[in-house]
Amino acid sequence: MVTAKELEEKLRTGLPSAKIRCSDMTGGGDHWQVNIEAKEFAGMSLIQMHQLVYKILGDWMHAKIHALSMNTTAAKD
């Protein structure tokens, strides 16, 4: 089980400028909705943004997180 704080901290390791909101969709700590706005996404396509998030989460996507829904946007300066 992952907490919202743990998930946010994990995402922040690769997206230090990000504004992150994590919502546990089922209360079980393995189905998450995340909203991420980050400068690091600048110039990336939606697919590239999502690939970066999956890369940051790494093994968590196999071991701790069963489902992940995300909204990603590049932060405006």
C-alpha atoms as a PDB file:
ATOM      1  CA  MET A   1       0.000   0.000   0.000  1.00  0.00           C
ATOM      2  CA  VAL A   2       1.216   3.465  -0.930  1.00  0.00           C
ATOM      3  CA  THR A   3       0.164   6.689   0.777  1.00  0.00           C
ATOM      4  CA  ALA A   4      -0.472   9.950  -1.047  1.00  0.00           C
ATOM      5  CA  LYS A   5       2.575  11.447   0.659  1.00  0.00           C
ATOM      6  CA  GLU A   6       4.825   8.578  -0.454  1.00  0.00           C
ATOM      7  CA  LEU A   7       3.558   8.806  -4.026  1.00  0.00           C
ATOM      8  CA  GLU A   8       4.079  12.564  -4.115  1.00  0.00           C
ATOM      9  CA  GLU A   9       7.613  12.214  -2.728  1.00  0.00           C
ATOM     10  CA  LYS A  10       8.452   9.543  -5.308  1.00  0.00           C
ATOM     11  CA  LEU A  11       7.175  11.706  -8.165  1.00  0.00           C
ATOM     12  CA  ARG A  12       9.040  14.734  -6.836  1.00  0.00           C
ATOM     13  CA  THR A  13      12.376  12.888  -7.176  1.00  0.00           C
ATOM     14  CA  GLY A  14      12.116  13.253 -10.950  1.00  0.00           C
ATOM     15  CA  LEU A  15       9.901  16.330 -11.107  1.00  0.00           C
ATOM     16  CA  PRO A  16      11.227  18.714  -8.439  1.00  0.00           C
ATOM     17  CA  SER A  17       9.300  21.740  -9.764  1.00  0.00           C
ATOM     18  CA  ALA A  18       5.972  19.922  -9.919  1.00  0.00           C
ATOM     19  CA  LYS A  19       2.647  20.771  -8.368  1.00  0.00           C
ATOM     20  CA  ILE A  20       1.257  17.332  -7.554  1.00  0.00           C
ATOM     21  CA  ARG A  21      -2.139  16.211  -6.312  1.00  0.00           C
ATOM     22  CA  CYS A  22      -2.642  12.514  -5.550  1.00  0.00           C
ATOM     23  CA  SER A  23      -6.052  10.975  -4.898  1.00  0.00           C
ATOM     24  CA  ASP A  24      -6.558   7.398  -3.725  1.00  0.00           C
ATOM     25  CA  MET A  25      -9.462   6.240  -5.894  1.00  0.00           C
ATOM     26  CA  THR A  26     -10.468   3.183  -3.841  1.00  0.00           C
ATOM     27  CA  GLY A  27      -8.979   3.695  -0.382  1.00  0.00           C
ATOM     28  CA  GLY A  28      -6.703   0.678  -0.800  1.00  0.00           C
ATOM     29  CA  GLY A  29      -3.536   2.593  -1.708  1.00  0.00           C
ATOM     30  CA  ASP A  30      -3.092   0.899  -5.090  1.00  0.00           C
ATOM     31  CA  HIS A  31      -5.480   2.805  -7.426  1.00  0.00           C
ATOM     32  CA  TRP A  32      -4.396   6.421  -7.933  1.00  0.00           C
ATOM     33  CA  GLN A  33      -5.427   9.564  -9.761  1.00  0.00           C
ATOM     34  CA  VAL A  34      -2.576  12.070 -10.046  1.00  0.00           C
ATOM     35  CA  ASN A  35      -2.533  15.601 -11.408  1.00  0.00           C
ATOM     36  CA  ILE A  36       0.923  16.890 -12.200  1.00  0.00           C
ATOM     37  CA  GLU A  37       1.946  20.299 -13.496  1.00  0.00           C
ATOM     38  CA  ALA A  38       5.700  20.553 -14.002  1.00  0.00           C
ATOM     39  CA  LYS A  39       8.276  22.677 -15.815  1.00  0.00           C
ATOM     40  CA  GLU A  40      10.092  19.443 -16.652  1.00  0.00           C
ATOM     41  CA  PHE A  41       7.260  18.573 -19.074  1.00  0.00           C
ATOM     42  CA  ALA A  42       7.979  21.598 -21.296  1.00  0.00           C
ATOM     43  CA  GLY A  43       8.194  20.607 -24.962  1.00  0.00           C
ATOM     44  CA  MET A  44       6.998  17.041 -24.329  1.00  0.00           C
ATOM     45  CA  SER A  45       4.033  15.326 -25.910  1.00  0.00           C
ATOM     46  CA  LEU A  46       1.377  13.810 -23.652  1.00  0.00           C
ATOM     47  CA  ILE A  47       2.833  10.351 -24.275  1.00  0.00           C
ATOM     48  CA  GLN A  48       6.332  11.537 -23.336  1.00  0.00           C
ATOM     49  CA  MET A  49       4.990  13.087 -20.125  1.00  0.00           C
ATOM     50  CA  HIS A  50       3.274   9.845 -19.156  1.00  0.00           C
ATOM     51  CA  GLN A  51       6.345   7.796 -20.044  1.00  0.00           C
ATOM     52  CA  LEU A  52       8.423  10.012 -17.759  1.00  0.00           C
ATOM     53  CA  VAL A  53       5.976   9.507 -14.883  1.00  0.00           C
ATOM     54  CA  TYR A  54       6.074   5.725 -15.387  1.00  0.00           C
ATOM     55  CA  LYS A  55       9.890   5.833 -15.488  1.00  0.00           C
ATOM     56  CA  ILE A  56      10.000   7.782 -12.204  1.00  0.00           C
ATOM     57  CA  LEU A  57       7.641   5.304 -10.542  1.00  0.00           C
ATOM     58  CA  GLY A  58       9.669   2.367 -11.868  1.00  0.00           C
ATOM     59  CA  ASP A  59       9.057  -0.877  -9.977  1.00  0.00           C
ATOM     60  CA  TRP A  60       6.208   0.673  -8.001  1.00  0.00           C
ATOM     61  CA  MET A  61       4.030   0.163 -11.091  1.00  0.00           C
ATOM     62  CA  HIS A  62       4.519  -3.589 -10.746  1.00  0.00           C
ATOM     63  CA  ALA A  63       4.794  -4.007  -7.004  1.00  0.00           C
ATOM     64  CA  LYS A  64       2.705  -1.291  -5.335  1.00  0.00           C
ATOM     65  CA  ILE A  65       0.396   0.447  -7.812  1.00  0.00           C
ATOM     66  CA  HIS A  66      -2.291  -1.489  -9.645  1.00  0.00           C
ATOM     67  CA  ALA A  67      -3.903   1.405 -11.540  1.00  0.00           C
ATOM     68  CA  LEU A  68      -2.774   4.936 -12.315  1.00  0.00           C
ATOM     69  CA  SER A  69      -4.813   7.651 -13.978  1.00  0.00           C
ATOM     70  CA  MET A  70      -2.948  10.863 -14.651  1.00  0.00           C
ATOM     71  CA  ASN A  71      -3.408  14.371 -15.934  1.00  0.00           C
ATOM     72  CA  THR A  72      -0.119  15.986 -16.883  1.00  0.00           C
ATOM     73  CA  THR A  73       0.587  19.513 -18.048  1.00  0.00           C
ATOM     74  CA  ALA A  74       3.668  21.634 -18.567  1.00  0.00           C
ATOM     75  CA  ALA A  75       3.908  24.503 -16.106  1.00  0.00           C
ATOM     76  CA  LYS A  76       3.926  27.949 -17.594  1.00  0.00           C
ATOM     77  CA  ASP A  77       6.685  30.281 -16.486  1.00  0.00           C
END
